[in-house]
Amino acid sequence: MIGYTHYDHISWLENKTIDGIIHEKTAKLLNSNIFVNQQENKDIALKIKKALTNNQSNKYFFGKDFNILKAENGFIQYQDSLGEVLLPEPNLLGDHQLGNVSTAIAASRKLFNVKDEDIKKGITKIELKGRLQELKSPSKLKDLVGQNRLIIDGGHNIGASRAISNWIKKQNEDVHLIVGMMKDKDHQGFIDYFKDVVKSITLIDIPNQEGAISKEEFKNKLKGVNKEIYLANSIEESIKSVSKYQNTIACVVGSIYLIGEVLNLN
């Protein structure tokens, strides 16, 4: 499976362009079956298709060989060459997950002959830790925010910040962002997607990670953020600071390492 392709982990690549990323994703794929997820734009999708030209695998592309759309009354409509199926919405937050779900369904139907009834049951039981995951009571950290909601997401690149911010825009509650990141990420670009959609931004250190950027250095790197940026001394302190608000979401983002520490504390 070739997932959503964007600028990420480029410090490891000699060619740090989107073409270099696509080459790394496609150059060594075995000849078998390849499923290509929804992409950010047609240009990237076409580049992936071109990169796979000489690969003799069976190839399935989102939007051409399989698709998924939101239907009415909490349902989604999936379609591929095997036919259409009406499914309940997955128990995942964020519309961006529909592309991932459709790719998984495509592979399940094509390769493993998974029946529609089993897909209908399974789609409501997905567990995806650290991706717009809501921590609920009983929970040590959830208890710190009182009646407010606590959401965590390990996304750390521009694609993730765009997806999370789009989800935030659809919420009826104010959102207070808590962020910790590694040094080699695009800190300004990540925050730019949130600066106009969240109520406040609090920066924290990621415990036990030498490669993490300090909250002070993080703050100094940010320009043009039109709201107060707070610093907190711990994960617990940052989350508890949201408890003074009502009808609010505390959203912890910026690194899978940070989310690992959050889940360990929880």
C-alpha atoms as a PDB file:
ATOM      1  CA  MET A   1       0.000   0.000   0.000  1.00  0.00           C
ATOM      2  CA  ILE A   2       1.223   3.472  -0.879  1.00  0.00           C
ATOM      3  CA  GLY A   3      -0.175   5.920   1.636  1.00  0.00           C
ATOM      4  CA  TYR A   4      -0.782   9.642   1.558  1.00  0.00           C
ATOM      5  CA  THR A   5       2.474  11.118   0.238  1.00  0.00           C
ATOM      6  CA  HIS A   6       3.866  14.360   1.638  1.00  0.00           C
ATOM      7  CA  TYR A   7       7.070  15.977   2.848  1.00  0.00           C
ATOM      8  CA  ASP A   8       8.190  13.903   5.808  1.00  0.00           C
ATOM      9  CA  HIS A   9      11.394  12.256   7.059  1.00  0.00           C
ATOM     10  CA  ILE A  10      13.281  14.062   4.302  1.00  0.00           C
ATOM     11  CA  SER A  11      16.403  14.386   6.497  1.00  0.00           C
ATOM     12  CA  TRP A  12      17.094  10.760   5.573  1.00  0.00           C
ATOM     13  CA  LEU A  13      16.844  11.367   1.830  1.00  0.00           C
ATOM     14  CA  GLU A  14      19.447  12.580  -0.651  1.00  0.00           C
ATOM     15  CA  ASN A  15      16.712  13.924  -2.940  1.00  0.00           C
ATOM     16  CA  LYS A  16      14.549  15.991  -0.599  1.00  0.00           C
ATOM     17  CA  THR A  17      11.827  16.777  -3.146  1.00  0.00           C
ATOM     18  CA  ILE A  18       8.419  15.163  -3.538  1.00  0.00           C
ATOM     19  CA  ASP A  19       9.948  13.224  -6.468  1.00  0.00           C
ATOM     20  CA  GLY A  20      12.598  11.853  -4.138  1.00  0.00           C
ATOM     21  CA  ILE A  21       9.966  10.798  -1.613  1.00  0.00           C
ATOM     22  CA  ILE A  22       7.909   9.071  -4.312  1.00  0.00           C
ATOM     23  CA  HIS A  23      11.020   7.271  -5.562  1.00  0.00           C
ATOM     24  CA  GLU A  24      11.682   5.897  -2.083  1.00  0.00           C
ATOM     25  CA  LYS A  25       8.069   4.742  -1.765  1.00  0.00           C
ATOM     26  CA  THR A  26       7.873   3.054  -5.179  1.00  0.00           C
ATOM     27  CA  ALA A  27      11.314   2.001  -6.446  1.00  0.00           C
ATOM     28  CA  LYS A  28      11.656  -1.276  -4.547  1.00  0.00           C
ATOM     29  CA  LEU A  29       8.091  -2.549  -4.474  1.00  0.00           C
ATOM     30  CA  LEU A  30       7.799  -6.203  -5.409  1.00  0.00           C
ATOM     31  CA  ASN A  31       5.631  -7.267  -8.317  1.00  0.00           C
ATOM     32  CA  SER A  32       2.401  -8.281  -6.612  1.00  0.00           C
ATOM     33  CA  ASN A  33      -0.533  -6.019  -5.770  1.00  0.00           C
ATOM     34  CA  ILE A  34      -0.224  -2.291  -5.137  1.00  0.00           C
ATOM     35  CA  PHE A  35      -2.974  -0.107  -3.686  1.00  0.00           C
ATOM     36  CA  VAL A  36      -2.467   3.662  -3.889  1.00  0.00           C
ATOM     37  CA  ASN A  37      -4.276   5.800  -1.340  1.00  0.00           C
ATOM     38  CA  GLN A  38      -5.875   9.190  -1.929  1.00  0.00           C
ATOM     39  CA  GLN A  39      -3.232  11.881  -2.476  1.00  0.00           C
ATOM     40  CA  GLU A  40      -3.090  15.595  -1.719  1.00  0.00           C
ATOM     41  CA  ASN A  41      -3.455  16.577  -5.354  1.00  0.00           C
ATOM     42  CA  LYS A  42      -3.568  15.181  -8.899  1.00  0.00           C
ATOM     43  CA  ASP A  43       0.066  16.083  -9.562  1.00  0.00           C
ATOM     44  CA  ILE A  44       1.324  13.778  -6.797  1.00  0.00           C
ATOM     45  CA  ALA A  45      -1.065  11.018  -7.865  1.00  0.00           C
ATOM     46  CA  LEU A  46       0.188  11.249 -11.455  1.00  0.00           C
ATOM     47  CA  LYS A  47       3.824  11.182 -10.315  1.00  0.00           C
ATOM     48  CA  ILE A  48       3.155   7.990  -8.344  1.00  0.00           C
ATOM     49  CA  LYS A  49       1.403   6.417 -11.328  1.00  0.00           C
ATOM     50  CA  LYS A  50       4.330   7.303 -13.579  1.00  0.00           C
ATOM     51  CA  ALA A  51       6.833   5.918 -11.079  1.00  0.00           C
ATOM     52  CA  LEU A  52       4.971   2.587 -11.150  1.00  0.00           C
ATOM     53  CA  THR A  53       4.809   2.352 -14.958  1.00  0.00           C
ATOM     54  CA  ASN A  54       7.383  -0.442 -15.240  1.00  0.00           C
ATOM     55  CA  ASN A  55       6.171  -2.325 -12.192  1.00  0.00           C
ATOM     56  CA  GLN A  56       4.213  -5.371 -13.362  1.00  0.00           C
ATOM     57  CA  SER A  57       2.024  -5.545 -10.253  1.00  0.00           C
ATOM     58  CA  ASN A  58      -1.732  -5.339 -10.263  1.00  0.00           C
ATOM     59  CA  LYS A  59      -2.266  -1.660  -9.465  1.00  0.00           C
ATOM     60  CA  TYR A  60      -5.321  -0.080  -7.873  1.00  0.00           C
ATOM     61  CA  PHE A  61      -5.665   3.687  -7.549  1.00  0.00           C
ATOM     62  CA  PHE A  62      -7.991   5.654  -5.308  1.00  0.00           C
ATOM     63  CA  GLY A  63     -10.550   7.544  -7.376  1.00  0.00           C
ATOM     64  CA  LYS A  64     -10.086   5.240 -10.378  1.00  0.00           C
ATOM     65  CA  ASP A  65     -10.289   1.652  -9.136  1.00  0.00           C
ATOM     66  CA  PHE A  66     -11.943   2.291  -5.788  1.00  0.00           C
ATOM     67  CA  ASN A  67     -13.630   5.232  -4.108  1.00  0.00           C
ATOM     68  CA  ILE A  68     -15.470   6.277  -0.987  1.00  0.00           C
ATOM     69  CA  LEU A  69     -17.999   9.044  -0.360  1.00  0.00           C
ATOM     70  CA  LYS A  70     -19.992  10.272   2.589  1.00  0.00           C
ATOM     71  CA  ALA A  71     -23.649   9.321   2.354  1.00  0.00           C
ATOM     72  CA  GLU A  72     -26.646  10.427   4.422  1.00  0.00           C
ATOM     73  CA  ASN A  73     -27.558   9.536   7.999  1.00  0.00           C
ATOM     74  CA  GLY A  74     -24.088   8.548   9.177  1.00  0.00           C
ATOM     75  CA  PHE A  75     -23.208   6.178   6.343  1.00  0.00           C
ATOM     76  CA  ILE A  76     -20.442   6.020   3.743  1.00  0.00           C
ATOM     77  CA  GLN A  77     -20.633   4.591   0.234  1.00  0.00           C
ATOM     78  CA  TYR A  78     -17.712   2.467  -0.958  1.00  0.00           C
ATOM     79  CA  GLN A  79     -17.300   1.393  -4.589  1.00  0.00           C
ATOM     80  CA  ASP A  80     -14.898  -0.748  -6.613  1.00  0.00           C
ATOM     81  CA  SER A  81     -15.069  -3.238  -9.483  1.00  0.00           C
ATOM     82  CA  LEU A  82     -16.769  -5.755  -7.204  1.00  0.00           C
ATOM     83  CA  GLY A  83     -19.668  -3.384  -6.655  1.00  0.00           C
ATOM     84  CA  GLU A  84     -20.990  -0.824  -4.190  1.00  0.00           C
ATOM     85  CA  VAL A  85     -21.555  -1.276  -0.488  1.00  0.00           C
ATOM     86  CA  LEU A  86     -23.181   1.079   2.010  1.00  0.00           C
ATOM     87  CA  LEU A  87     -21.238   1.112   5.284  1.00  0.00           C
ATOM     88  CA  PRO A  88     -21.587   2.756   8.680  1.00  0.00           C
ATOM     89  CA  GLU A  89     -19.111   5.573   9.267  1.00  0.00           C
ATOM     90  CA  PRO A  90     -15.895   4.283  10.863  1.00  0.00           C
ATOM     91  CA  ASN A  91     -15.310   5.059  14.518  1.00  0.00           C
ATOM     92  CA  LEU A  92     -12.446   7.369  13.588  1.00  0.00           C
ATOM     93  CA  LEU A  93     -12.293  11.125  13.970  1.00  0.00           C
ATOM     94  CA  GLY A  94     -11.442  13.152  10.872  1.00  0.00           C
ATOM     95  CA  ASP A  95     -12.681  12.902   7.284  1.00  0.00           C
ATOM     96  CA  HIS A  96      -9.090  12.352   6.117  1.00  0.00           C
ATOM     97  CA  GLN A  97      -9.320   8.816   7.494  1.00  0.00           C
ATOM     98  CA  LEU A  98     -11.855   7.854   4.812  1.00  0.00           C
ATOM     99  CA  GLY A  99      -9.081   7.535   2.242  1.00  0.00           C
ATOM    100  CA  ASN A 100      -7.167   5.191   4.530  1.00  0.00           C
ATOM    101  CA  VAL A 101     -10.310   3.173   5.245  1.00  0.00           C
ATOM    102  CA  SER A 102     -11.155   2.834   1.547  1.00  0.00           C
ATOM    103  CA  THR A 103      -7.647   1.597   0.727  1.00  0.00           C
ATOM    104  CA  ALA A 104      -7.889  -1.027   3.462  1.00  0.00           C
ATOM    105  CA  ILE A 105     -11.319  -2.116   2.206  1.00  0.00           C
ATOM    106  CA  ALA A 106     -10.021  -2.356  -1.369  1.00  0.00           C
ATOM    107  CA  ALA A 107      -7.193  -4.669  -0.306  1.00  0.00           C
ATOM    108  CA  SER A 108      -9.494  -6.700   1.934  1.00  0.00           C
ATOM    109  CA  ARG A 109     -11.976  -7.340  -0.875  1.00  0.00           C
ATOM    110  CA  LYS A 110      -9.472  -7.878  -3.680  1.00  0.00           C
ATOM    111  CA  LEU A 111      -6.865  -9.979  -1.882  1.00  0.00           C
ATOM    112  CA  PHE A 112      -8.649 -11.723   0.962  1.00  0.00           C
ATOM    113  CA  ASN A 113     -12.248 -11.932  -0.207  1.00  0.00           C
ATOM    114  CA  VAL A 114     -13.480 -10.377   3.042  1.00  0.00           C
ATOM    115  CA  LYS A 115     -17.266 -10.325   2.985  1.00  0.00           C
ATOM    116  CA  ASP A 116     -19.264  -7.102   3.072  1.00  0.00           C
ATOM    117  CA  GLU A 117     -20.987  -8.077   6.314  1.00  0.00           C
ATOM    118  CA  ASP A 118     -17.627  -8.536   8.019  1.00  0.00           C
ATOM    119  CA  ILE A 119     -16.443  -5.163   6.724  1.00  0.00           C
ATOM    120  CA  LYS A 120     -19.617  -3.550   8.091  1.00  0.00           C
ATOM    121  CA  LYS A 121     -18.915  -5.008  11.510  1.00  0.00           C
ATOM    122  CA  GLY A 122     -15.206  -4.276  11.522  1.00  0.00           C
ATOM    123  CA  ILE A 123     -15.413  -0.669  10.396  1.00  0.00           C
ATOM    124  CA  THR A 124     -17.096   0.336  13.663  1.00  0.00           C
ATOM    125  CA  LYS A 125     -14.459  -1.414  15.785  1.00  0.00           C
ATOM    126  CA  ILE A 126     -11.282   0.170  14.456  1.00  0.00           C
ATOM    127  CA  GLU A 127      -8.752   1.164  17.111  1.00  0.00           C
ATOM    128  CA  LEU A 128      -6.175   3.694  15.933  1.00  0.00           C
ATOM    129  CA  LYS A 129      -4.036   4.900  18.804  1.00  0.00           C
ATOM    130  CA  GLY A 130      -2.487   8.337  18.609  1.00  0.00           C
ATOM    131  CA  ARG A 131      -4.460   9.619  15.614  1.00  0.00           C
ATOM    132  CA  LEU A 132      -7.235  11.955  16.717  1.00  0.00           C
ATOM    133  CA  GLN A 133      -7.696   9.552  19.584  1.00  0.00           C
ATOM    134  CA  GLU A 134     -10.010  10.688  22.363  1.00  0.00           C
ATOM    135  CA  LEU A 135      -8.952   9.742  25.877  1.00  0.00           C
ATOM    136  CA  LYS A 136     -11.980   9.083  28.015  1.00  0.00           C
ATOM    137  CA  SER A 137     -12.635   8.439  31.696  1.00  0.00           C
ATOM    138  CA  PRO A 138     -11.514   6.609  33.696  1.00  0.00           C
ATOM    139  CA  SER A 139      -8.208   8.154  32.703  1.00  0.00           C
ATOM    140  CA  LYS A 140      -5.543   9.973  34.706  1.00  0.00           C
ATOM    141  CA  LEU A 141      -5.011  12.685  32.113  1.00  0.00           C
ATOM    142  CA  LYS A 142      -8.657  12.980  31.084  1.00  0.00           C
ATOM    143  CA  ASP A 143      -9.521  13.684  34.705  1.00  0.00           C
ATOM    144  CA  LEU A 144      -7.204  16.723  34.565  1.00  0.00           C
ATOM    145  CA  VAL A 145      -9.468  18.486  32.050  1.00  0.00           C
ATOM    146  CA  GLY A 146     -12.686  17.846  33.956  1.00  0.00           C
ATOM    147  CA  GLN A 147     -15.745  17.844  31.706  1.00  0.00           C
ATOM    148  CA  ASN A 148     -13.735  18.968  28.682  1.00  0.00           C
ATOM    149  CA  ARG A 149     -12.519  16.602  25.945  1.00  0.00           C
ATOM    150  CA  LEU A 150      -8.928  15.397  25.528  1.00  0.00           C
ATOM    151  CA  ILE A 151      -7.720  14.513  22.014  1.00  0.00           C
ATOM    152  CA  ILE A 152      -4.227  13.311  21.065  1.00  0.00           C
ATOM    153  CA  ASP A 153      -2.589  13.010  17.647  1.00  0.00           C
ATOM    154  CA  GLY A 154       1.005  12.081  16.837  1.00  0.00           C
ATOM    155  CA  GLY A 155       0.974  13.841  13.469  1.00  0.00           C
ATOM    156  CA  HIS A 156       4.116  15.917  12.966  1.00  0.00           C
ATOM    157  CA  ASN A 157       4.103  17.093   9.351  1.00  0.00           C
ATOM    158  CA  ILE A 158       2.202  19.573   7.209  1.00  0.00           C
ATOM    159  CA  GLY A 159      -0.250  16.970   5.958  1.00  0.00           C
ATOM    160  CA  ALA A 160      -1.109  16.020   9.520  1.00  0.00           C
ATOM    161  CA  SER A 161      -1.500  19.610  10.688  1.00  0.00           C
ATOM    162  CA  ARG A 162      -3.811  20.318   7.753  1.00  0.00           C
ATOM    163  CA  ALA A 163      -5.942  17.257   8.532  1.00  0.00           C
ATOM    164  CA  ILE A 164      -6.141  18.032  12.252  1.00  0.00           C
ATOM    165  CA  SER A 165      -6.968  21.691  11.661  1.00  0.00           C
ATOM    166  CA  ASN A 166      -9.735  20.702   9.236  1.00  0.00           C
ATOM    167  CA  TRP A 167     -11.208  18.482  11.953  1.00  0.00           C
ATOM    168  CA  ILE A 168     -10.922  21.331  14.482  1.00  0.00           C
ATOM    169  CA  LYS A 169     -12.870  23.666  12.197  1.00  0.00           C
ATOM    170  CA  LYS A 170     -15.855  21.307  12.365  1.00  0.00           C
ATOM    171  CA  GLN A 171     -16.013  21.237  16.168  1.00  0.00           C
ATOM    172  CA  ASN A 172     -18.499  23.259  18.174  1.00  0.00           C
ATOM    173  CA  GLU A 173     -16.092  23.665  21.094  1.00  0.00           C
ATOM    174  CA  ASP A 174     -13.071  25.921  21.484  1.00  0.00           C
ATOM    175  CA  VAL A 175      -9.797  24.045  21.014  1.00  0.00           C
ATOM    176  CA  HIS A 176      -6.634  24.674  23.041  1.00  0.00           C
ATOM    177  CA  LEU A 177      -3.566  23.250  21.316  1.00  0.00           C
ATOM    178  CA  ILE A 178      -0.679  21.622  23.202  1.00  0.00           C
ATOM    179  CA  VAL A 179       2.403  21.006  21.057  1.00  0.00           C
ATOM    180  CA  GLY A 180       5.783  19.313  21.388  1.00  0.00           C
ATOM    181  CA  MET A 181       7.960  18.449  18.384  1.00  0.00           C
ATOM    182  CA  MET A 182      11.300  17.033  17.309  1.00  0.00           C
ATOM    183  CA  LYS A 183      14.052  19.369  16.123  1.00  0.00           C
ATOM    184  CA  ASP A 184      14.034  18.256  12.480  1.00  0.00           C
ATOM    185  CA  LYS A 185      10.402  19.156  11.735  1.00  0.00           C
ATOM    186  CA  ASP A 186       8.872  22.175  10.008  1.00  0.00           C
ATOM    187  CA  HIS A 187       7.763  23.946  13.187  1.00  0.00           C
ATOM    188  CA  GLN A 188       6.483  27.142  11.573  1.00  0.00           C
ATOM    189  CA  GLY A 189       4.655  25.317   8.814  1.00  0.00           C
ATOM    190  CA  PHE A 190       3.031  22.967  11.310  1.00  0.00           C
ATOM    191  CA  ILE A 191       1.793  25.763  13.582  1.00  0.00           C
ATOM    192  CA  ASP A 192       0.612  27.947  10.705  1.00  0.00           C
ATOM    193  CA  TYR A 193      -2.326  25.621  10.083  1.00  0.00           C
ATOM    194  CA  PHE A 194      -3.531  26.103  13.661  1.00  0.00           C
ATOM    195  CA  LYS A 195      -2.917  29.754  14.423  1.00  0.00           C
ATOM    196  CA  ASP A 196      -6.320  30.915  13.152  1.00  0.00           C
ATOM    197  CA  VAL A 197      -8.432  27.959  14.311  1.00  0.00           C
ATOM    198  CA  VAL A 198      -7.437  27.346  17.938  1.00  0.00           C
ATOM    199  CA  LYS A 199      -8.051  29.435  21.039  1.00  0.00           C
ATOM    200  CA  SER A 200      -4.546  29.110  22.470  1.00  0.00           C
ATOM    201  CA  ILE A 201      -1.210  27.374  21.868  1.00  0.00           C
ATOM    202  CA  THR A 202       0.888  25.854  24.656  1.00  0.00           C
ATOM    203  CA  LEU A 203       4.370  24.500  23.925  1.00  0.00           C
ATOM    204  CA  ILE A 204       5.979  21.715  25.950  1.00  0.00           C
ATOM    205  CA  ASP A 205       9.161  19.655  25.959  1.00  0.00           C
ATOM    206  CA  ILE A 206       8.968  16.003  24.959  1.00  0.00           C
ATOM    207  CA  PRO A 207      10.325  14.011  27.905  1.00  0.00           C
ATOM    208  CA  ASN A 208      13.162  11.525  27.365  1.00  0.00           C
ATOM    209  CA  GLN A 209      13.912  12.646  23.806  1.00  0.00           C
ATOM    210  CA  GLU A 210      17.297  14.249  23.046  1.00  0.00           C
ATOM    211  CA  GLY A 211      16.143  15.018  19.513  1.00  0.00           C
ATOM    212  CA  ALA A 212      13.196  17.129  20.691  1.00  0.00           C
ATOM    213  CA  ILE A 213      13.141  20.901  20.375  1.00  0.00           C
ATOM    214  CA  SER A 214      12.869  22.774  23.671  1.00  0.00           C
ATOM    215  CA  LYS A 215       9.725  24.779  24.235  1.00  0.00           C
ATOM    216  CA  GLU A 216      11.790  27.972  24.478  1.00  0.00           C
ATOM    217  CA  GLU A 217      13.571  27.409  21.172  1.00  0.00           C
ATOM    218  CA  PHE A 218      10.267  26.379  19.605  1.00  0.00           C
ATOM    219  CA  LYS A 219       8.627  29.637  20.679  1.00  0.00           C
ATOM    220  CA  ASN A 220      11.542  31.712  19.378  1.00  0.00           C
ATOM    221  CA  LYS A 221      11.258  30.131  15.934  1.00  0.00           C
ATOM    222  CA  LEU A 222       7.591  31.011  15.481  1.00  0.00           C
ATOM    223  CA  LYS A 223       6.660  34.169  13.580  1.00  0.00           C
ATOM    224  CA  GLY A 224       3.321  35.741  12.774  1.00  0.00           C
ATOM    225  CA  VAL A 225       1.256  33.745  15.266  1.00  0.00           C
ATOM    226  CA  ASN A 226      -1.557  36.118  16.189  1.00  0.00           C
ATOM    227  CA  LYS A 227      -2.146  34.850  19.705  1.00  0.00           C
ATOM    228  CA  GLU A 228      -0.350  34.334  22.991  1.00  0.00           C
ATOM    229  CA  ILE A 229       1.960  31.316  23.068  1.00  0.00           C
ATOM    230  CA  TYR A 230       2.222  29.704  26.492  1.00  0.00           C
ATOM    231  CA  LEU A 231       4.939  27.432  27.880  1.00  0.00           C
ATOM    232  CA  ALA A 232       4.216  24.571  30.254  1.00  0.00           C
ATOM    233  CA  ASN A 233       6.701  22.582  32.330  1.00  0.00           C
ATOM    234  CA  SER A 234       5.091  19.188  31.859  1.00  0.00           C
ATOM    235  CA  ILE A 235       2.448  17.277  29.943  1.00  0.00           C
ATOM    236  CA  GLU A 236       0.259  17.190  33.028  1.00  0.00           C
ATOM    237  CA  GLU A 237       0.578  20.939  33.620  1.00  0.00           C
ATOM    238  CA  SER A 238      -0.319  21.749  30.004  1.00  0.00           C
ATOM    239  CA  ILE A 239      -3.424  19.557  30.071  1.00  0.00           C
ATOM    240  CA  LYS A 240      -4.560  20.749  33.480  1.00  0.00           C
ATOM    241  CA  SER A 241      -4.337  24.376  32.301  1.00  0.00           C
ATOM    242  CA  VAL A 242      -7.333  23.722  30.052  1.00  0.00           C
ATOM    243  CA  SER A 243      -9.546  22.677  32.977  1.00  0.00           C
ATOM    244  CA  LYS A 244     -10.387  26.315  33.780  1.00  0.00           C
ATOM    245  CA  TYR A 245     -12.376  26.556  30.540  1.00  0.00           C
ATOM    246  CA  GLN A 246     -15.775  25.097  29.747  1.00  0.00           C
ATOM    247  CA  ASN A 247     -17.029  23.362  26.593  1.00  0.00           C
ATOM    248  CA  THR A 248     -13.449  22.987  25.410  1.00  0.00           C
ATOM    249  CA  ILE A 249     -11.120  20.489  23.768  1.00  0.00           C
ATOM    250  CA  ALA A 250      -7.488  20.023  24.809  1.00  0.00           C
ATOM    251  CA  CYS A 251      -5.636  18.741  21.739  1.00  0.00           C
ATOM    252  CA  VAL A 252      -2.105  17.356  22.170  1.00  0.00           C
ATOM    253  CA  VAL A 253      -0.170  17.114  18.894  1.00  0.00           C
ATOM    254  CA  GLY A 254       3.208  17.322  17.189  1.00  0.00           C
ATOM    255  CA  SER A 255       5.071  14.055  17.665  1.00  0.00           C
ATOM    256  CA  ILE A 256       4.477  10.345  17.982  1.00  0.00           C
ATOM    257  CA  TYR A 257       7.136  10.421  20.718  1.00  0.00           C
ATOM    258  CA  LEU A 258       5.060  12.949  22.632  1.00  0.00           C
ATOM    259  CA  ILE A 259       1.936  10.843  22.271  1.00  0.00           C
ATOM    260  CA  GLY A 260       3.855   7.816  23.504  1.00  0.00           C
ATOM    261  CA  GLU A 261       4.716   9.743  26.667  1.00  0.00           C
ATOM    262  CA  VAL A 262       1.093  10.868  27.021  1.00  0.00           C
ATOM    263  CA  LEU A 263      -0.167   7.294  26.784  1.00  0.00           C
ATOM    264  CA  ASN A 264       2.469   6.124  29.256  1.00  0.00           C
ATOM    265  CA  LEU A 265       1.288   8.743  31.741  1.00  0.00           C
ATOM    266  CA  ASN A 266      -2.333   7.839  31.190  1.00  0.00           C
END
